[in-house]
Amino acid sequence: MSGRIRQAAARGALMKALGGALVALGAASALAAPPAPPPAAAPAAANDGRIRVQLMARQAVTLSGELSAKIASLPVPEGGGFRKGQVLVEFDCDSYRAQLAKAQAAQEAASQLLEVNQQLVKLNSAGTLETTQAQGRAKETAAELSYMKTVVNKCAIYAPFAGRVARRVAAVHQYVSPGNPVLDIVDAGPLELRMLVPSKWLAQLKPGSRFTVAVDELGSSFPARIERLGAQIDPVSQSVLAVGVVDGAAPALLPGMSGWASFK
């Protein structure tokens, strides 16, 4: 009996020791583990009346050539202004103009031949076949002449609107192929103020709503108004496009500037 009692006592002592060790290990782990991060704060509601805004030109176009030719002239420098219809790019088109002159000469000769054949038919000195062939030749040369006139008309690129040259992509004396970009241009009209506003603002925000835009690059604020609202709400961000314009002239503003729109 004494042996059994000693074994039971030993097992009890072992269990107590193991329990103490587990408690100590748990306490050490709790001390070593980093504190749990606080729960993430919910995103701030857009109730302070400030929205990020981007200034953009109403029209921004990259001009490309339609010919395989060398650039002969770029009359307007980067940053320079131009009027609608002004030449912005001129190509070296001597070879195309020579082909145009050849087409003109061929068309004149074909027209004269047709006229002679028509006179001979009246005198019964020429057959219908010769006249028909002369008519076909006259039409062919007229079509070739029209085509070459179209080609030569593409030897210059004219400004589609009044504006400024934002960037030269190609240089004078550079050979370009059809579709290669040459100039980036922007119009000279009022800039658009583009922003994404919460869709719940649509209850109060309407075309004509007033706000103030603070431009980062200038450190100045300008009065503005909403011109139009987007036609679709983004289902993910629950936002809608709003486009505004600055009231009055603001020549210091340039496309690409940004700032904050305040509706307070």
Protein backbone atom coordinates (compact mmCIF):
# COMPACT_ATOMS: atom_id res chain seq x y z
CA MET A 1 0.00 0.00 0.00
CA SER A 2 2.83 2.40 0.86
CA GLY A 3 4.26 1.94 -2.69
CA ARG A 4 0.97 2.81 -4.32
CA ILE A 5 0.62 5.85 -2.11
CA ARG A 6 4.11 7.03 -3.05
CA GLN A 7 3.34 6.59 -6.82
CA ALA A 8 0.09 8.54 -6.50
CA ALA A 9 1.86 11.31 -4.63
CA ALA A 10 4.57 11.45 -7.31
CA ARG A 11 2.01 11.70 -10.11
CA GLY A 12 0.22 14.50 -8.27
CA ALA A 13 3.45 16.43 -7.82
CA LEU A 14 4.24 15.97 -11.55
CA MET A 15 0.83 17.26 -12.62
CA LYS A 16 1.23 20.33 -10.38
CA ALA A 17 4.64 21.03 -11.88
CA LEU A 18 3.32 20.72 -15.45
CA GLY A 19 0.37 22.97 -14.68
CA GLY A 20 2.66 25.61 -13.23
CA ALA A 21 4.91 25.44 -16.26
CA LEU A 22 1.97 25.88 -18.64
CA VAL A 23 0.72 28.88 -16.68
CA ALA A 24 4.19 30.45 -16.72
CA LEU A 25 4.55 29.78 -20.47
CA GLY A 26 1.19 31.41 -21.18
CA ALA A 27 2.13 34.48 -19.17
CA ALA A 28 5.46 34.76 -20.98
CA SER A 29 3.76 34.48 -24.38
CA ALA A 30 1.30 37.19 -23.43
CA LEU A 31 4.17 39.50 -22.44
CA ALA A 32 6.20 38.76 -25.59
CA ALA A 33 3.34 39.18 -28.11
CA PRO A 34 2.91 42.72 -29.55
CA PRO A 35 -0.24 44.54 -28.55
CA ALA A 36 -3.16 44.03 -30.93
CA PRO A 37 -3.58 46.95 -33.36
CA PRO A 38 -6.56 49.19 -32.77
CA PRO A 39 -9.48 48.65 -35.14
CA ALA A 40 -9.17 50.61 -38.39
CA ALA A 41 -10.99 53.88 -38.35
CA ALA A 42 -13.88 54.25 -40.73
CA PRO A 43 -13.15 56.55 -43.66
CA ALA A 44 -13.98 60.17 -42.96
CA ALA A 45 -17.26 61.30 -44.46
CA ALA A 46 -17.00 63.96 -47.17
CA ASN A 47 -18.69 66.59 -45.06
CA ASP A 48 -16.00 69.23 -44.93
CA GLY A 49 -16.89 70.62 -48.35
CA ARG A 50 -13.45 69.99 -49.85
CA ILE A 51 -12.89 67.84 -52.95
CA ARG A 52 -9.73 67.26 -54.95
CA VAL A 53 -9.99 68.93 -58.37
CA GLN A 54 -7.98 68.71 -61.62
CA LEU A 55 -7.74 71.51 -64.20
CA MET A 56 -8.08 70.29 -67.78
CA ALA A 57 -8.40 71.87 -71.21
CA ARG A 58 -11.74 71.38 -72.94
CA GLN A 59 -9.94 70.22 -76.08
CA ALA A 60 -6.52 68.56 -76.09
CA VAL A 61 -5.36 66.99 -79.36
CA THR A 62 -2.26 65.24 -80.65
CA LEU A 63 -1.70 66.24 -84.27
CA SER A 64 -0.31 63.60 -86.62
CA GLY A 65 0.75 63.72 -90.25
CA GLU A 66 -1.01 61.80 -93.00
CA LEU A 67 2.03 61.61 -95.31
CA SER A 68 5.42 59.99 -95.37
CA ALA A 69 7.50 63.16 -95.48
CA LYS A 70 10.11 65.29 -93.73
CA ILE A 71 8.98 68.13 -91.47
CA ALA A 72 9.94 71.42 -93.10
CA SER A 73 8.64 73.86 -90.50
CA LEU A 74 7.01 74.10 -87.07
CA PRO A 75 6.10 77.80 -86.94
CA VAL A 76 4.69 77.88 -83.39
CA PRO A 77 7.08 77.14 -80.48
CA GLU A 78 6.15 75.20 -77.36
CA GLY A 79 3.93 77.36 -75.19
CA GLY A 80 3.13 79.63 -78.13
CA GLY A 81 -0.40 80.58 -79.04
CA PHE A 82 -2.12 80.23 -82.41
CA ARG A 83 -5.44 81.11 -84.02
CA LYS A 84 -7.89 78.74 -85.67
CA GLY A 85 -6.82 77.83 -89.20
CA GLN A 86 -3.18 78.82 -88.70
CA VAL A 87 -0.49 76.51 -90.12
CA LEU A 88 1.09 74.50 -87.32
CA VAL A 89 3.12 71.97 -89.32
CA GLU A 90 4.55 72.12 -92.86
CA PHE A 91 6.02 69.11 -94.65
CA ASP A 92 8.59 68.97 -97.44
CA CYS A 93 6.30 67.97 -100.32
CA ASP A 94 8.39 68.74 -103.42
CA SER A 95 7.98 65.20 -104.75
CA TYR A 96 4.21 65.24 -104.22
CA ARG A 97 3.88 68.62 -105.92
CA ALA A 98 5.85 67.26 -108.89
CA GLN A 99 3.41 64.36 -109.12
CA LEU A 100 0.54 66.87 -108.99
CA ALA A 101 2.03 68.83 -111.90
CA LYS A 102 2.40 65.59 -113.88
CA ALA A 103 -1.23 64.67 -113.16
CA GLN A 104 -2.37 68.13 -114.31
CA ALA A 105 -0.47 67.80 -117.59
CA ALA A 106 -1.89 64.31 -118.18
CA GLN A 107 -5.42 65.53 -117.52
CA GLU A 108 -5.04 68.47 -119.91
CA ALA A 109 -3.71 66.17 -122.65
CA ALA A 110 -6.57 63.69 -122.12
CA SER A 111 -9.15 66.49 -122.23
CA GLN A 112 -7.71 67.82 -125.50
CA LEU A 113 -7.67 64.33 -127.01
CA LEU A 114 -11.30 63.79 -126.05
CA GLU A 115 -12.27 67.13 -127.58
CA VAL A 116 -10.48 66.28 -130.83
CA ASN A 117 -12.16 62.85 -131.01
CA GLN A 118 -15.57 64.40 -130.45
CA GLN A 119 -14.95 66.83 -133.33
CA LEU A 120 -13.80 63.96 -135.57
CA VAL A 121 -16.93 61.98 -134.76
CA LYS A 122 -19.01 64.89 -136.00
CA LEU A 123 -17.04 64.78 -139.26
CA ASN A 124 -17.34 61.00 -139.46
CA SER A 125 -13.56 60.79 -139.26
CA ALA A 126 -13.34 58.86 -135.98
CA GLY A 127 -15.16 55.85 -134.64
CA THR A 128 -17.10 55.37 -131.46
CA LEU A 129 -14.34 53.17 -129.99
CA GLU A 130 -11.74 55.92 -130.16
CA THR A 131 -14.11 58.40 -128.52
CA THR A 132 -15.03 55.95 -125.77
CA GLN A 133 -11.36 55.30 -125.05
CA ALA A 134 -10.66 59.03 -124.95
CA GLN A 135 -13.52 59.54 -122.48
CA GLY A 136 -12.17 56.78 -120.24
CA ARG A 137 -8.70 58.25 -120.34
CA ALA A 138 -10.06 61.71 -119.46
CA LYS A 139 -11.92 60.32 -116.44
CA GLU A 140 -8.86 58.40 -115.28
CA THR A 141 -6.58 61.42 -115.43
CA ALA A 142 -9.20 63.59 -113.70
CA ALA A 143 -9.37 61.10 -110.84
CA GLU A 144 -5.58 61.00 -110.57
CA LEU A 145 -5.45 64.80 -110.52
CA SER A 146 -8.08 64.94 -107.77
CA TYR A 147 -6.15 62.41 -105.70
CA MET A 148 -2.87 64.31 -106.00
CA LYS A 149 -4.60 67.57 -105.00
CA THR A 150 -5.84 65.81 -101.88
CA VAL A 151 -2.33 64.57 -101.10
CA VAL A 152 -0.77 68.00 -101.53
CA ASN A 153 -3.44 69.55 -99.31
CA LYS A 154 -2.11 67.31 -96.52
CA CYS A 155 1.34 68.88 -96.77
CA ALA A 156 0.33 71.30 -94.02
CA ILE A 157 -1.56 70.78 -90.76
CA TYR A 158 -3.88 73.62 -89.79
CA ALA A 159 -5.06 74.48 -86.28
CA PRO A 160 -8.54 73.04 -85.64
CA PHE A 161 -9.15 75.67 -82.95
CA ALA A 162 -7.44 78.59 -81.26
CA GLY A 163 -5.05 77.47 -78.55
CA ARG A 164 -1.46 76.85 -77.50
CA VAL A 165 1.22 74.29 -78.29
CA ALA A 166 1.66 72.08 -75.23
CA ARG A 167 4.49 69.90 -76.55
CA ARG A 168 6.52 69.20 -79.67
CA VAL A 169 6.72 65.45 -80.19
CA ALA A 170 8.74 65.68 -83.43
CA ALA A 171 11.35 68.14 -84.69
CA VAL A 172 12.08 70.08 -87.86
CA HIS A 173 13.91 67.97 -90.50
CA GLN A 174 12.62 64.77 -88.88
CA TYR A 175 11.07 62.23 -91.25
CA VAL A 176 7.68 61.01 -90.09
CA SER A 177 5.28 58.35 -91.32
CA PRO A 178 1.49 58.59 -91.44
CA GLY A 179 0.06 58.53 -87.93
CA ASN A 180 3.27 59.60 -86.17
CA PRO A 181 2.49 62.29 -83.55
CA VAL A 182 3.97 65.73 -84.20
CA LEU A 183 2.38 68.24 -81.79
CA ASP A 184 0.25 68.21 -78.65
CA ILE A 185 -2.08 71.21 -78.56
CA VAL A 186 -4.70 72.52 -76.12
CA ASP A 187 -7.43 75.04 -76.71
CA ALA A 188 -7.27 78.57 -75.35
CA GLY A 189 -10.77 78.59 -73.87
CA PRO A 190 -11.76 78.37 -70.19
CA LEU A 191 -10.40 75.35 -68.35
CA GLU A 192 -12.62 72.64 -66.93
CA LEU A 193 -12.43 71.82 -63.22
CA ARG A 194 -13.00 68.07 -62.99
CA MET A 195 -13.72 66.34 -59.68
CA LEU A 196 -15.42 63.26 -58.26
CA VAL A 197 -17.99 64.08 -55.61
CA PRO A 198 -19.96 61.71 -53.38
CA SER A 199 -23.17 60.64 -55.06
CA LYS A 200 -25.19 61.70 -52.00
CA TRP A 201 -24.24 65.30 -52.81
CA LEU A 202 -26.58 65.16 -55.81
CA ALA A 203 -29.43 66.14 -53.51
CA GLN A 204 -27.90 69.63 -53.15
CA LEU A 205 -25.30 69.94 -55.94
CA LYS A 206 -26.77 71.27 -59.19
CA PRO A 207 -25.45 73.04 -62.32
CA GLY A 208 -24.81 76.59 -61.26
CA SER A 209 -23.81 75.68 -57.69
CA ARG A 210 -21.02 77.97 -56.49
CA PHE A 211 -17.73 76.93 -54.94
CA THR A 212 -14.14 78.13 -54.48
CA VAL A 213 -11.11 76.37 -55.94
CA ALA A 214 -7.72 76.78 -54.25
CA VAL A 215 -4.97 76.02 -56.80
CA ASP A 216 -1.89 74.38 -55.29
CA GLU A 217 0.60 75.69 -57.85
CA LEU A 218 -0.44 79.33 -57.44
CA GLY A 219 -1.45 79.42 -53.80
CA SER A 220 -4.52 81.40 -54.85
CA SER A 221 -8.25 80.80 -54.79
CA PHE A 222 -10.74 81.47 -57.58
CA PRO A 223 -14.54 81.60 -57.60
CA ALA A 224 -16.13 78.91 -59.73
CA ARG A 225 -19.43 77.21 -60.48
CA ILE A 226 -20.64 73.76 -61.49
CA GLU A 227 -21.29 73.56 -65.22
CA ARG A 228 -22.54 69.99 -65.55
CA LEU A 229 -22.74 66.69 -63.69
CA GLY A 230 -21.86 63.21 -64.88
CA ALA A 231 -24.50 60.90 -66.32
CA GLN A 232 -23.53 57.83 -64.28
CA ILE A 233 -22.65 57.02 -60.67
CA ASP A 234 -19.70 54.72 -60.01
CA PRO A 235 -21.21 51.79 -58.06
CA VAL A 236 -17.93 50.97 -56.28
CA SER A 237 -16.87 54.41 -55.02
CA GLN A 238 -20.40 55.84 -54.95
CA SER A 239 -19.11 58.98 -56.68
CA VAL A 240 -20.13 61.01 -59.70
CA LEU A 241 -18.21 63.33 -62.03
CA ALA A 242 -18.74 67.05 -61.58
CA VAL A 243 -17.33 69.59 -64.03
CA GLY A 244 -16.95 73.24 -63.10
CA VAL A 245 -15.58 76.43 -64.63
CA VAL A 246 -13.84 79.44 -63.13
CA ASP A 247 -15.87 82.64 -63.10
CA GLY A 248 -14.18 85.37 -65.11
CA ALA A 249 -10.79 85.40 -66.82
CA ALA A 250 -7.92 83.56 -65.15
CA PRO A 251 -4.92 83.63 -67.52
CA ALA A 252 -2.58 82.28 -64.85
CA LEU A 253 -4.34 78.92 -64.79
CA LEU A 254 -2.83 76.15 -66.92
CA PRO A 255 -4.00 72.64 -67.80
CA GLY A 256 -2.58 70.07 -65.41
CA MET A 257 -2.82 72.23 -62.29
CA SER A 258 -4.72 70.84 -59.34
CA GLY A 259 -6.18 71.96 -56.06
CA TRP A 260 -9.11 71.76 -53.67
CA ALA A 261 -12.70 72.71 -54.31
CA SER A 262 -14.55 74.03 -51.26
CA PHE A 263 -18.35 74.10 -51.25
CA LYS A 264 -18.72 75.76 -47.83
